[in-house]
Amino acid sequence: METILYMYEPAMCCETGVCGVATDPELLRISTVINQLAKKGCIVKRFNLASHPMEFANNELVKDWLNSHEISALPISIWHGEIIAEGRYLTNDELSQLFNVPLEATSNMGSSCCDCESC
């Protein structure tokens, strides 16, 4: 069974939502943690509604979920074909347990939230 976490997020201005002047601290946290997970070999695939609408349309689980929820109830997280969180991002502890890897506290990490040039 694949060990990929899929995150379906609301429409954002860029892939991570951390560009611009007024960055949402929760988006900064999740982007930082996902970067940290990637360095440990963990795979998290993020799909934002503005950039990846076909990922939403082609996934039956996501499509069914959207038919019974408001788009404002995003994000949702899917693990092994099941929705494990909706309306919020997983916490650092939840991600650590999910992937069975230790995570540093986000406050101890540098200011880099992602590998993009604009941050």
PDB file of N, CA and C in Angstrom:
ATOM      1  N   MET A   1       0.847  -1.184   0.000  1.00  0.00           N
ATOM      2  CA  MET A   1       0.000   0.000   0.000  1.00  0.00           C
ATOM      3  C   MET A   1       0.892   1.248   0.000  1.00  0.00           C
ATOM      4  N   GLU A   2       0.519   2.218  -0.804  1.00  0.00           N
ATOM      5  CA  GLU A   2       1.357   3.415  -0.890  1.00  0.00           C
ATOM      6  C   GLU A   2       1.285   4.241   0.391  1.00  0.00           C
ATOM      7  N   THR A   3       2.402   4.858   0.704  1.00  0.00           N
ATOM      8  CA  THR A   3       2.469   5.685   1.910  1.00  0.00           C
ATOM      9  C   THR A   3       2.629   7.144   1.510  1.00  0.00           C
ATOM     10  N   ILE A   4       1.627   7.621   0.820  1.00  0.00           N
ATOM     11  CA  ILE A   4       1.591   9.013   0.378  1.00  0.00           C
ATOM     12  C   ILE A   4       0.401   9.680   1.039  1.00  0.00           C
ATOM     13  N   LEU A   5       0.641  10.852   1.581  1.00  0.00           N
ATOM     14  CA  LEU A   5      -0.448  11.654   2.124  1.00  0.00           C
ATOM     15  C   LEU A   5      -0.885  12.617   1.030  1.00  0.00           C
ATOM     16  N   TYR A   6      -2.171  12.627   0.736  1.00  0.00           N
ATOM     17  CA  TYR A   6      -2.728  13.544  -0.258  1.00  0.00           C
ATOM     18  C   TYR A   6      -3.502  14.623   0.470  1.00  0.00           C
ATOM     19  N   MET A   7      -3.220  15.868   0.115  1.00  0.00           N
ATOM     20  CA  MET A   7      -3.918  16.998   0.717  1.00  0.00           C
ATOM     21  C   MET A   7      -4.622  17.775  -0.386  1.00  0.00           C
ATOM     22  N   TYR A   8      -5.922  17.940  -0.238  1.00  0.00           N
ATOM     23  CA  TYR A   8      -6.740  18.698  -1.180  1.00  0.00           C
ATOM     24  C   TYR A   8      -7.121  19.996  -0.500  1.00  0.00           C
ATOM     25  N   GLU A   9      -6.644  21.097  -1.069  1.00  0.00           N
ATOM     26  CA  GLU A   9      -6.752  22.396  -0.415  1.00  0.00           C
ATOM     27  C   GLU A   9      -7.645  23.349  -1.205  1.00  0.00           C
ATOM     28  N   PRO A  10      -8.131  24.398  -0.544  1.00  0.00           N
ATOM     29  CA  PRO A  10      -8.929  25.390  -1.274  1.00  0.00           C
ATOM     30  C   PRO A  10      -8.055  26.128  -2.285  1.00  0.00           C
ATOM     31  N   ALA A  11      -8.697  26.890  -3.144  1.00  0.00           N
ATOM     32  CA  ALA A  11      -7.962  27.689  -4.132  1.00  0.00           C
ATOM     33  C   ALA A  11      -7.059  28.685  -3.412  1.00  0.00           C
ATOM     34  N   MET A  12      -5.797  28.730  -3.859  1.00  0.00           N
ATOM     35  CA  MET A  12      -4.823  29.659  -3.278  1.00  0.00           C
ATOM     36  C   MET A  12      -4.075  30.350  -4.410  1.00  0.00           C
ATOM     37  N   CYS A  13      -3.365  31.397  -4.067  1.00  0.00           N
ATOM     38  CA  CYS A  13      -2.655  32.194  -5.060  1.00  0.00           C
ATOM     39  C   CYS A  13      -1.466  31.459  -5.679  1.00  0.00           C
ATOM     40  N   CYS A  14      -0.903  30.506  -4.959  1.00  0.00           N
ATOM     41  CA  CYS A  14       0.235  29.740  -5.468  1.00  0.00           C
ATOM     42  C   CYS A  14       0.156  28.320  -4.915  1.00  0.00           C
ATOM     43  N   GLU A  15       1.109  27.488  -5.244  1.00  0.00           N
ATOM     44  CA  GLU A  15       1.085  26.079  -4.822  1.00  0.00           C
ATOM     45  C   GLU A  15       0.965  25.892  -3.309  1.00  0.00           C
ATOM     46  N   THR A  16       1.633  26.726  -2.540  1.00  0.00           N
ATOM     47  CA  THR A  16       1.649  26.549  -1.089  1.00  0.00           C
ATOM     48  C   THR A  16       0.797  27.561  -0.334  1.00  0.00           C
ATOM     49  N   GLY A  17       0.436  28.661  -0.974  1.00  0.00           N
ATOM     50  CA  GLY A  17      -0.339  29.698  -0.310  1.00  0.00           C
ATOM     51  C   GLY A  17       0.471  30.579   0.608  1.00  0.00           C
ATOM     52  N   VAL A  18       1.806  30.471   0.549  1.00  0.00           N
ATOM     53  CA  VAL A  18       2.635  31.262   1.458  1.00  0.00           C
ATOM     54  C   VAL A  18       3.309  32.453   0.780  1.00  0.00           C
ATOM     55  N   CYS A  19       2.838  32.824  -0.370  1.00  0.00           N
ATOM     56  CA  CYS A  19       3.408  34.006  -1.016  1.00  0.00           C
ATOM     57  C   CYS A  19       2.620  35.239  -0.574  1.00  0.00           C
ATOM     58  N   GLY A  20       3.145  36.373  -0.845  1.00  0.00           N
ATOM     59  CA  GLY A  20       2.448  37.601  -0.492  1.00  0.00           C
ATOM     60  C   GLY A  20       2.861  38.137   0.864  1.00  0.00           C
ATOM     61  N   VAL A  21       2.256  39.237   1.230  1.00  0.00           N
ATOM     62  CA  VAL A  21       2.633  39.957   2.441  1.00  0.00           C
ATOM     63  C   VAL A  21       1.986  39.371   3.689  1.00  0.00           C
ATOM     64  N   ALA A  22       0.713  39.060   3.629  1.00  0.00           N
ATOM     65  CA  ALA A  22      -0.021  38.557   4.795  1.00  0.00           C
ATOM     66  C   ALA A  22      -0.161  37.040   4.695  1.00  0.00           C
ATOM     67  N   THR A  23       0.869  36.327   5.110  1.00  0.00           N
ATOM     68  CA  THR A  23       0.867  34.875   5.037  1.00  0.00           C
ATOM     69  C   THR A  23       0.135  34.267   6.223  1.00  0.00           C
ATOM     70  N   ASP A  24      -0.738  33.317   5.935  1.00  0.00           N
ATOM     71  CA  ASP A  24      -1.457  32.593   6.976  1.00  0.00           C
ATOM     72  C   ASP A  24      -0.451  31.729   7.740  1.00  0.00           C
ATOM     73  N   PRO A  25      -0.330  31.901   9.048  1.00  0.00           N
ATOM     74  CA  PRO A  25       0.639  31.126   9.830  1.00  0.00           C
ATOM     75  C   PRO A  25       0.433  29.610   9.714  1.00  0.00           C
ATOM     76  N   GLU A  26      -0.802  29.184   9.536  1.00  0.00           N
ATOM     77  CA  GLU A  26      -1.082  27.755   9.411  1.00  0.00           C
ATOM     78  C   GLU A  26      -0.536  27.223   8.081  1.00  0.00           C
ATOM     79  N   LEU A  27      -0.640  27.997   7.017  1.00  0.00           N
ATOM     80  CA  LEU A  27      -0.071  27.585   5.731  1.00  0.00           C
ATOM     81  C   LEU A  27       1.450  27.560   5.802  1.00  0.00           C
ATOM     82  N   LEU A  28       2.026  28.509   6.509  1.00  0.00           N
ATOM     83  CA  LEU A  28       3.471  28.529   6.691  1.00  0.00           C
ATOM     84  C   LEU A  28       3.913  27.294   7.482  1.00  0.00           C
ATOM     85  N   ARG A  29       3.177  26.963   8.533  1.00  0.00           N
ATOM     86  CA  ARG A  29       3.505  25.784   9.343  1.00  0.00           C
ATOM     87  C   ARG A  29       3.437  24.510   8.514  1.00  0.00           C
ATOM     88  N   ILE A  30       2.340  24.310   7.790  1.00  0.00           N
ATOM     89  CA  ILE A  30       2.185  23.061   7.060  1.00  0.00           C
ATOM     90  C   ILE A  30       3.199  22.961   5.928  1.00  0.00           C
ATOM     91  N   SER A  31       3.517  24.061   5.283  1.00  0.00           N
ATOM     92  CA  SER A  31       4.529  24.042   4.221  1.00  0.00           C
ATOM     93  C   SER A  31       5.899  23.695   4.782  1.00  0.00           C
ATOM     94  N   THR A  32       6.211  24.243   5.932  1.00  0.00           N
ATOM     95  CA  THR A  32       7.494  23.971   6.580  1.00  0.00           C
ATOM     96  C   THR A  32       7.588  22.502   6.992  1.00  0.00           C
ATOM     97  N   VAL A  33       6.527  21.984   7.573  1.00  0.00           N
ATOM     98  CA  VAL A  33       6.522  20.592   8.020  1.00  0.00           C
ATOM     99  C   VAL A  33       6.594  19.644   6.816  1.00  0.00           C
ATOM    100  N   ILE A  34       5.892  19.964   5.744  1.00  0.00           N
ATOM    101  CA  ILE A  34       5.944  19.123   4.543  1.00  0.00           C
ATOM    102  C   ILE A  34       7.359  19.107   3.976  1.00  0.00           C
ATOM    103  N   ASN A  35       8.034  20.235   3.985  1.00  0.00           N
ATOM    104  CA  ASN A  35       9.436  20.283   3.546  1.00  0.00           C
ATOM    105  C   ASN A  35      10.305  19.399   4.424  1.00  0.00           C
ATOM    106  N   GLN A  36      10.081  19.478   5.718  1.00  0.00           N
ATOM    107  CA  GLN A  36      10.844  18.658   6.657  1.00  0.00           C
ATOM    108  C   GLN A  36      10.570  17.171   6.417  1.00  0.00           C
ATOM    109  N   LEU A  37       9.325  16.811   6.173  1.00  0.00           N
ATOM    110  CA  LEU A  37       8.973  15.424   5.875  1.00  0.00           C
ATOM    111  C   LEU A  37       9.638  14.946   4.590  1.00  0.00           C
ATOM    112  N   ALA A  38       9.656  15.801   3.581  1.00  0.00           N
ATOM    113  CA  ALA A  38      10.272  15.437   2.298  1.00  0.00           C
ATOM    114  C   ALA A  38      11.751  15.114   2.486  1.00  0.00           C
ATOM    115  N   LYS A  39      12.425  15.853   3.349  1.00  0.00           N
ATOM    116  CA  LYS A  39      13.844  15.596   3.617  1.00  0.00           C
ATOM    117  C   LYS A  39      14.058  14.255   4.304  1.00  0.00           C
ATOM    118  N   LYS A  40      12.994  13.716   4.914  1.00  0.00           N
ATOM    119  CA  LYS A  40      13.067  12.419   5.577  1.00  0.00           C
ATOM    120  C   LYS A  40      12.541  11.302   4.663  1.00  0.00           C
ATOM    121  N   GLY A  41      12.251  11.648   3.407  1.00  0.00           N
ATOM    122  CA  GLY A  41      11.783  10.656   2.441  1.00  0.00           C
ATOM    123  C   GLY A  41      10.284  10.422   2.439  1.00  0.00           C
ATOM    124  N   CYS A  42       9.535  11.230   3.173  1.00  0.00           N
ATOM    125  CA  CYS A  42       8.079  11.092   3.226  1.00  0.00           C
ATOM    126  C   CYS A  42       7.454  11.864   2.062  1.00  0.00           C
ATOM    127  N   ILE A  43       6.365  11.343   1.546  1.00  0.00           N
ATOM    128  CA  ILE A  43       5.736  11.961   0.381  1.00  0.00           C
ATOM    129  C   ILE A  43       4.379  12.542   0.763  1.00  0.00           C
ATOM    130  N   VAL A  44       4.241  13.843   0.521  1.00  0.00           N
ATOM    131  CA  VAL A  44       2.974  14.540   0.695  1.00  0.00           C
ATOM    132  C   VAL A  44       2.684  15.231  -0.629  1.00  0.00           C
ATOM    133  N   LYS A  45       1.545  14.923  -1.209  1.00  0.00           N
ATOM    134  CA  LYS A  45       1.138  15.570  -2.462  1.00  0.00           C
ATOM    135  C   LYS A  45       0.006  16.525  -2.154  1.00  0.00           C
ATOM    136  N   ARG A  46       0.231  17.790  -2.510  1.00  0.00           N
ATOM    137  CA  ARG A  46      -0.752  18.838  -2.260  1.00  0.00           C
ATOM    138  C   ARG A  46      -1.429  19.236  -3.559  1.00  0.00           C
ATOM    139  N   PHE A  47      -2.744  19.360  -3.510  1.00  0.00           N
ATOM    140  CA  PHE A  47      -3.504  19.806  -4.667  1.00  0.00           C
ATOM    141  C   PHE A  47      -4.372  20.969  -4.237  1.00  0.00           C
ATOM    142  N   ASN A  48      -4.132  22.118  -4.863  1.00  0.00           N
ATOM    143  CA  ASN A  48      -4.946  23.280  -4.544  1.00  0.00           C
ATOM    144  C   ASN A  48      -5.952  23.452  -5.682  1.00  0.00           C
ATOM    145  N   LEU A  49      -7.161  23.791  -5.326  1.00  0.00           N
ATOM    146  CA  LEU A  49      -8.276  23.822  -6.265  1.00  0.00           C
ATOM    147  C   LEU A  49      -8.020  24.726  -7.470  1.00  0.00           C
ATOM    148  N   ALA A  50      -7.290  25.815  -7.280  1.00  0.00           N
ATOM    149  CA  ALA A  50      -7.016  26.728  -8.394  1.00  0.00           C
ATOM    150  C   ALA A  50      -5.979  26.149  -9.359  1.00  0.00           C
ATOM    151  N   SER A  51      -4.984  25.467  -8.835  1.00  0.00           N
ATOM    152  CA  SER A  51      -3.889  24.958  -9.665  1.00  0.00           C
ATOM    153  C   SER A  51      -4.130  23.548 -10.198  1.00  0.00           C
ATOM    154  N   HIS A  52      -4.922  22.753  -9.500  1.00  0.00           N
ATOM    155  CA  HIS A  52      -5.116  21.345  -9.865  1.00  0.00           C
ATOM    156  C   HIS A  52      -6.591  20.942  -9.875  1.00  0.00           C
ATOM    157  N   PRO A  53      -7.450  21.642 -10.585  1.00  0.00           N
ATOM    158  CA  PRO A  53      -8.880  21.301 -10.526  1.00  0.00           C
ATOM    159  C   PRO A  53      -9.178  19.883 -11.001  1.00  0.00           C
ATOM    160  N   MET A  54      -8.407  19.359 -11.924  1.00  0.00           N
ATOM    161  CA  MET A  54      -8.666  18.013 -12.434  1.00  0.00           C
ATOM    162  C   MET A  54      -8.348  16.940 -11.399  1.00  0.00           C
ATOM    163  N   GLU A  55      -7.439  17.204 -10.464  1.00  0.00           N
ATOM    164  CA  GLU A  55      -7.165  16.255  -9.381  1.00  0.00           C
ATOM    165  C   GLU A  55      -8.408  16.092  -8.504  1.00  0.00           C
ATOM    166  N   PHE A  56      -9.155  17.176  -8.339  1.00  0.00           N
ATOM    167  CA  PHE A  56     -10.392  17.135  -7.572  1.00  0.00           C
ATOM    168  C   PHE A  56     -11.474  16.398  -8.363  1.00  0.00           C
ATOM    169  N   ALA A  57     -11.563  16.706  -9.658  1.00  0.00           N
ATOM    170  CA  ALA A  57     -12.605  16.127 -10.504  1.00  0.00           C
ATOM    171  C   ALA A  57     -12.385  14.645 -10.765  1.00  0.00           C
ATOM    172  N   ASN A  58     -11.136  14.204 -10.834  1.00  0.00           N
ATOM    173  CA  ASN A  58     -10.835  12.818 -11.187  1.00  0.00           C
ATOM    174  C   ASN A  58     -10.756  11.868  -9.999  1.00  0.00           C
ATOM    175  N   ASN A  59     -10.822  12.391  -8.788  1.00  0.00           N
ATOM    176  CA  ASN A  59     -10.762  11.541  -7.600  1.00  0.00           C
ATOM    177  C   ASN A  59     -12.183  11.367  -7.064  1.00  0.00           C
ATOM    178  N   GLU A  60     -12.718  10.141  -7.167  1.00  0.00           N
ATOM    179  CA  GLU A  60     -14.107   9.876  -6.761  1.00  0.00           C
ATOM    180  C   GLU A  60     -14.357  10.202  -5.289  1.00  0.00           C
ATOM    181  N   LEU A  61     -13.408   9.869  -4.420  1.00  0.00           N
ATOM    182  CA  LEU A  61     -13.564  10.146  -2.992  1.00  0.00           C
ATOM    183  C   LEU A  61     -13.686  11.647  -2.742  1.00  0.00           C
ATOM    184  N   VAL A  62     -12.809  12.416  -3.377  1.00  0.00           N
ATOM    185  CA  VAL A  62     -12.821  13.874  -3.209  1.00  0.00           C
ATOM    186  C   VAL A  62     -14.080  14.464  -3.833  1.00  0.00           C
ATOM    187  N   LYS A  63     -14.430  13.974  -5.008  1.00  0.00           N
ATOM    188  CA  LYS A  63     -15.627  14.475  -5.694  1.00  0.00           C
ATOM    189  C   LYS A  63     -16.878  14.209  -4.853  1.00  0.00           C
ATOM    190  N   ASP A  64     -17.001  13.012  -4.297  1.00  0.00           N
ATOM    191  CA  ASP A  64     -18.151  12.689  -3.439  1.00  0.00           C
ATOM    192  C   ASP A  64     -18.154  13.565  -2.192  1.00  0.00           C
ATOM    193  N   TRP A  65     -16.981  13.776  -1.606  1.00  0.00           N
ATOM    194  CA  TRP A  65     -16.885  14.608  -0.409  1.00  0.00           C
ATOM    195  C   TRP A  65     -17.329  16.034  -0.727  1.00  0.00           C
ATOM    196  N   LEU A  66     -16.865  16.567  -1.862  1.00  0.00           N
ATOM    197  CA  LEU A  66     -17.234  17.935  -2.239  1.00  0.00           C
ATOM    198  C   LEU A  66     -18.727  18.069  -2.524  1.00  0.00           C
ATOM    199  N   ASN A  67     -19.341  17.005  -3.016  1.00  0.00           N
ATOM    200  CA  ASN A  67     -20.780  17.052  -3.281  1.00  0.00           C
ATOM    201  C   ASN A  67     -21.599  17.164  -2.002  1.00  0.00           C
ATOM    202  N   SER A  68     -21.038  16.781  -0.872  1.00  0.00           N
ATOM    203  CA  SER A  68     -21.780  16.856   0.384  1.00  0.00           C
ATOM    204  C   SER A  68     -21.224  17.894   1.359  1.00  0.00           C
ATOM    205  N   HIS A  69     -20.211  18.645   0.952  1.00  0.00           N
ATOM    206  CA  HIS A  69     -19.611  19.670   1.805  1.00  0.00           C
ATOM    207  C   HIS A  69     -19.411  20.961   1.019  1.00  0.00           C
ATOM    208  N   GLU A  70     -19.240  22.020   1.726  1.00  0.00           N
ATOM    209  CA  GLU A  70     -18.891  23.302   1.111  1.00  0.00           C
ATOM    210  C   GLU A  70     -17.406  23.319   0.777  1.00  0.00           C
ATOM    211  N   ILE A  71     -17.031  24.027  -0.269  1.00  0.00           N
ATOM    212  CA  ILE A  71     -15.616  24.171  -0.608  1.00  0.00           C
ATOM    213  C   ILE A  71     -14.863  24.830   0.544  1.00  0.00           C
ATOM    214  N   SER A  72     -15.555  25.662   1.305  1.00  0.00           N
ATOM    215  CA  SER A  72     -14.916  26.316   2.447  1.00  0.00           C
ATOM    216  C   SER A  72     -14.523  25.316   3.532  1.00  0.00           C
ATOM    217  N   ALA A  73     -14.983  24.065   3.433  1.00  0.00           N
ATOM    218  CA  ALA A  73     -14.617  23.036   4.416  1.00  0.00           C
ATOM    219  C   ALA A  73     -13.277  22.375   4.086  1.00  0.00           C
ATOM    220  N   LEU A  74     -12.658  22.762   2.979  1.00  0.00           N
ATOM    221  CA  LEU A  74     -11.314  22.269   2.662  1.00  0.00           C
ATOM    222  C   LEU A  74     -10.328  22.900   3.623  1.00  0.00           C
ATOM    223  N   PRO A  75      -9.210  22.294   3.907  1.00  0.00           N
ATOM    224  CA  PRO A  75      -8.581  21.161   3.244  1.00  0.00           C
ATOM    225  C   PRO A  75      -9.074  19.822   3.795  1.00  0.00           C
ATOM    226  N   ILE A  76      -8.810  18.783   2.989  1.00  0.00           N
ATOM    227  CA  ILE A  76      -8.987  17.421   3.468  1.00  0.00           C
ATOM    228  C   ILE A  76      -7.673  16.676   3.237  1.00  0.00           C
ATOM    229  N   SER A  77      -7.418  15.706   4.072  1.00  0.00           N
ATOM    230  CA  SER A  77      -6.210  14.878   3.958  1.00  0.00           C
ATOM    231  C   SER A  77      -6.642  13.430   3.764  1.00  0.00           C
ATOM    232  N   ILE A  78      -5.995  12.763   2.816  1.00  0.00           N
ATOM    233  CA  ILE A  78      -6.333  11.377   2.497  1.00  0.00           C
ATOM    234  C   ILE A  78      -5.096  10.502   2.681  1.00  0.00           C
ATOM    235  N   TRP A  79      -5.282   9.413   3.404  1.00  0.00           N
ATOM    236  CA  TRP A  79      -4.204   8.459   3.703  1.00  0.00           C
ATOM    237  C   TRP A  79      -4.745   7.057   3.436  1.00  0.00           C
ATOM    238  N   HIS A  80      -4.093   6.307   2.596  1.00  0.00           N
ATOM    239  CA  HIS A  80      -4.526   4.946   2.253  1.00  0.00           C
ATOM    240  C   HIS A  80      -5.984   4.908   1.811  1.00  0.00           C
ATOM    241  N   GLY A  81      -6.381   5.898   1.015  1.00  0.00           N
ATOM    242  CA  GLY A  81      -7.724   5.908   0.445  1.00  0.00           C
ATOM    243  C   GLY A  81      -8.834   6.332   1.377  1.00  0.00           C
ATOM    244  N   GLU A  82      -8.490   6.859   2.554  1.00  0.00           N
ATOM    245  CA  GLU A  82      -9.497   7.311   3.512  1.00  0.00           C
ATOM    246  C   GLU A  82      -9.232   8.756   3.913  1.00  0.00           C
ATOM    247  N   ILE A  83     -10.300   9.513   4.073  1.00  0.00           N
ATOM    248  CA  ILE A  83     -10.177  10.881   4.558  1.00  0.00           C
ATOM    249  C   ILE A  83      -9.899  10.808   6.057  1.00  0.00           C
ATOM    250  N   ILE A  84      -8.747  11.356   6.455  1.00  0.00           N
ATOM    251  CA  ILE A  84      -8.366  11.291   7.872  1.00  0.00           C
ATOM    252  C   ILE A  84      -8.477  12.645   8.573  1.00  0.00           C
ATOM    253  N   ALA A  85      -8.656  13.707   7.803  1.00  0.00           N
ATOM    254  CA  ALA A  85      -8.862  15.033   8.398  1.00  0.00           C
ATOM    255  C   ALA A  85      -9.618  15.879   7.390  1.00  0.00           C
ATOM    256  N   GLU A  86     -10.529  16.672   7.895  1.00  0.00           N
ATOM    257  CA  GLU A  86     -11.256  17.586   7.025  1.00  0.00           C
ATOM    258  C   GLU A  86     -11.451  18.918   7.730  1.00  0.00           C
ATOM    259  N   GLY A  87     -11.378  19.979   6.943  1.00  0.00           N
ATOM    260  CA  GLY A  87     -11.560  21.318   7.490  1.00  0.00           C
ATOM    261  C   GLY A  87     -10.366  21.861   8.249  1.00  0.00           C
ATOM    262  N   ARG A  88      -9.257  21.119   8.220  1.00  0.00           N
ATOM    263  CA  ARG A  88      -8.053  21.548   8.931  1.00  0.00           C
ATOM    264  C   ARG A  88      -6.849  20.778   8.385  1.00  0.00           C
ATOM    265  N   TYR A  89      -5.677  21.294   8.691  1.00  0.00           N
ATOM    266  CA  TYR A  89      -4.448  20.580   8.373  1.00  0.00           C
ATOM    267  C   TYR A  89      -4.088  19.683   9.546  1.00  0.00           C
ATOM    268  N   LEU A  90      -3.448  18.583   9.257  1.00  0.00           N
ATOM    269  CA  LEU A  90      -2.982  17.692  10.317  1.00  0.00           C
ATOM    270  C   LEU A  90      -1.968  18.426  11.188  1.00  0.00           C
ATOM    271  N   THR A  91      -1.941  18.108  12.465  1.00  0.00           N
ATOM    272  CA  THR A  91      -0.977  18.720  13.373  1.00  0.00           C
ATOM    273  C   THR A  91       0.407  18.098  13.140  1.00  0.00           C
ATOM    274  N   ASN A  92       1.417  18.718  13.683  1.00  0.00           N
ATOM    275  CA  ASN A  92       2.774  18.166  13.595  1.00  0.00           C
ATOM    276  C   ASN A  92       2.824  16.781  14.237  1.00  0.00           C
ATOM    277  N   ASP A  93       2.171  16.623  15.394  1.00  0.00           N
ATOM    278  CA  ASP A  93       2.150  15.327  16.070  1.00  0.00           C
ATOM    279  C   ASP A  93       1.466  14.264  15.216  1.00  0.00           C
ATOM    280  N   GLU A  94       0.345  14.629  14.606  1.00  0.00           N
ATOM    281  CA  GLU A  94      -0.367  13.672  13.747  1.00  0.00           C
ATOM    282  C   GLU A  94       0.505  13.257  12.560  1.00  0.00           C
ATOM    283  N   LEU A  95       1.184  14.211  11.952  1.00  0.00           N
ATOM    284  CA  LEU A  95       2.056  13.906  10.808  1.00  0.00           C
ATOM    285  C   LEU A  95       3.233  13.053  11.237  1.00  0.00           C
ATOM    286  N   SER A  96       3.794  13.358  12.390  1.00  0.00           N
ATOM    287  CA  SER A  96       4.907  12.583  12.922  1.00  0.00           C
ATOM    288  C   SER A  96       4.494  11.128  13.135  1.00  0.00           C
ATOM    289  N   GLN A  97       3.328  10.926  13.708  1.00  0.00           N
ATOM    290  CA  GLN A  97       2.825   9.571  13.959  1.00  0.00           C
ATOM    291  C   GLN A  97       2.462   8.860  12.661  1.00  0.00           C
ATOM    292  N   LEU A  98       1.865   9.584  11.752  1.00  0.00           N
ATOM    293  CA  LEU A  98       1.444   9.005  10.479  1.00  0.00           C
ATOM    294  C   LEU A  98       2.629   8.418   9.720  1.00  0.00           C
ATOM    295  N   PHE A  99       3.696   9.207   9.614  1.00  0.00           N
ATOM    296  CA  PHE A  99       4.876   8.774   8.870  1.00  0.00           C
ATOM    297  C   PHE A  99       5.905   8.064   9.752  1.00  0.00           C
ATOM    298  N   ASN A 100       5.630   8.029  11.060  1.00  0.00           N
ATOM    299  CA  ASN A 100       6.540   7.387  12.008  1.00  0.00           C
ATOM    300  C   ASN A 100       7.951   7.990  11.945  1.00  0.00           C
ATOM    301  N   VAL A 101       7.993   9.316  11.951  1.00  0.00           N
ATOM    302  CA  VAL A 101       9.268  10.036  11.948  1.00  0.00           C
ATOM    303  C   VAL A 101       9.196  11.161  12.976  1.00  0.00           C
ATOM    304  N   PRO A 102      10.318  11.464  13.613  1.00  0.00           N
ATOM    305  CA  PRO A 102      10.323  12.611  14.536  1.00  0.00           C
ATOM    306  C   PRO A 102      10.316  13.917  13.747  1.00  0.00           C
ATOM    307  N   LEU A 103       9.622  14.891  14.272  1.00  0.00           N
ATOM    308  CA  LEU A 103       9.600  16.220  13.656  1.00  0.00           C
ATOM    309  C   LEU A 103      10.054  17.244  14.677  1.00  0.00           C
ATOM    310  N   GLU A 104      10.833  18.206  14.203  1.00  0.00           N
ATOM    311  CA  GLU A 104      11.232  19.312  15.066  1.00  0.00           C
ATOM    312  C   GLU A 104      10.046  20.253  15.216  1.00  0.00           C
ATOM    313  N   ALA A 105      10.031  21.006  16.282  1.00  0.00           N
ATOM    314  CA  ALA A 105       8.999  22.037  16.437  1.00  0.00           C
ATOM    315  C   ALA A 105       9.211  23.083  15.363  1.00  0.00           C
ATOM    316  N   THR A 106       8.144  23.570  14.765  1.00  0.00           N
ATOM    317  CA  THR A 106       8.289  24.539  13.680  1.00  0.00           C
ATOM    318  C   THR A 106       8.943  25.828  14.147  1.00  0.00           C
ATOM    319  N   SER A 107       8.809  26.162  15.419  1.00  0.00           N
ATOM    320  CA  SER A 107       9.425  27.391  15.906  1.00  0.00           C
ATOM    321  C   SER A 107      10.952  27.296  15.922  1.00  0.00           C
ATOM    322  N   ASN A 108      11.498  26.071  15.888  1.00  0.00           N
ATOM    323  CA  ASN A 108      12.946  25.891  15.884  1.00  0.00           C
ATOM    324  C   ASN A 108      13.542  25.847  14.487  1.00  0.00           C
ATOM    325  N   MET A 109      12.696  25.872  13.485  1.00  0.00           N
ATOM    326  CA  MET A 109      13.193  25.812  12.118  1.00  0.00           C
ATOM    327  C   MET A 109      13.509  27.205  11.619  1.00  0.00           C
ATOM    328  N   GLY A 110      14.274  27.246  10.567  1.00  0.00           N
ATOM    329  CA  GLY A 110      14.628  28.524   9.959  1.00  0.00           C
ATOM    330  C   GLY A 110      13.420  29.189   9.348  1.00  0.00           C
ATOM    331  N   SER A 111      13.619  30.313   8.727  1.00  0.00           N
ATOM    332  CA  SER A 111      12.504  31.061   8.165  1.00  0.00           C
ATOM    333  C   SER A 111      12.069  30.535   6.807  1.00  0.00           C
ATOM    334  N   SER A 112      12.808  29.604   6.232  1.00  0.00           N
ATOM    335  CA  SER A 112      12.450  29.087   4.923  1.00  0.00           C
ATOM    336  C   SER A 112      11.253  28.144   5.027  1.00  0.00           C
ATOM    337  N   CYS A 113      10.208  28.470   4.301  1.00  0.00           N
ATOM    338  CA  CYS A 113       8.996  27.671   4.357  1.00  0.00           C
ATOM    339  C   CYS A 113       8.926  26.674   3.219  1.00  0.00           C
ATOM    340  N   CYS A 114       9.656  26.937   2.178  1.00  0.00           N
ATOM    341  CA  CYS A 114       9.603  26.056   1.010  1.00  0.00           C
ATOM    342  C   CYS A 114      10.855  26.278   0.183  1.00  0.00           C
ATOM    343  N   ASP A 115      10.945  25.600  -0.919  1.00  0.00           N
ATOM    344  CA  ASP A 115      12.121  25.719  -1.756  1.00  0.00           C
ATOM    345  C   ASP A 115      11.943  26.754  -2.862  1.00  0.00           C
ATOM    346  N   CYS A 116      10.922  27.588  -2.725  1.00  0.00           N
ATOM    347  CA  CYS A 116      10.674  28.554  -3.792  1.00  0.00           C
ATOM    348  C   CYS A 116      11.519  29.818  -3.595  1.00  0.00           C
ATOM    349  N   GLU A 117      11.668  30.562  -4.637  1.00  0.00           N
ATOM    350  CA  GLU A 117      12.486  31.776  -4.610  1.00  0.00           C
ATOM    351  C   GLU A 117      11.752  32.949  -3.940  1.00  0.00           C
ATOM    352  N   SER A 118      10.424  32.918  -3.929  1.00  0.00           N
ATOM    353  CA  SER A 118       9.664  34.099  -3.511  1.00  0.00           C
ATOM    354  C   SER A 118       9.510  34.257  -2.018  1.00  0.00           C
ATOM    355  N   CYS A 119       9.880  33.273  -1.214  1.00  0.00           N
ATOM    356  CA  CYS A 119       9.662  33.393   0.232  1.00  0.00           C
ATOM    357  C   CYS A 119      10.679  34.282   0.908  1.00  0.00           C
TER     358      CYS A 119
END
